[in-house]
Amino acid sequence: MAFAKNKLGIPTERIRTCIAEALVAAVKAYGLRAVATRLGLADGSDEEAFRSKRLYVLNRIGDWKEQDLLGSVALAVWA
């Protein structure tokens, strides 16, 4: 399966995964909703965040355009 690549040659799906992984590593489940909201992600429930931090993030950035993802990379790394 071929993934769409951005101008940097990085598959867009890989950028999504990296953003999710950065937030999962840096933020506890009880703080994920607040951090995600500050980064511009749609709000969700505490239960959803506690169930899977990774899916919580991926479900919110799954339809983001390339420029939105690239703009969020630095923010996610410094979350």
Foldseek 3Di string as FASTA:
>chain_A
DDADADPVRDGPVVLLQLLLVLQVVPDDLVCLQVLCVVLPFDGDDSVVSVVDSSVVSCVRCVPPDPVSSVVSSVVSNVD
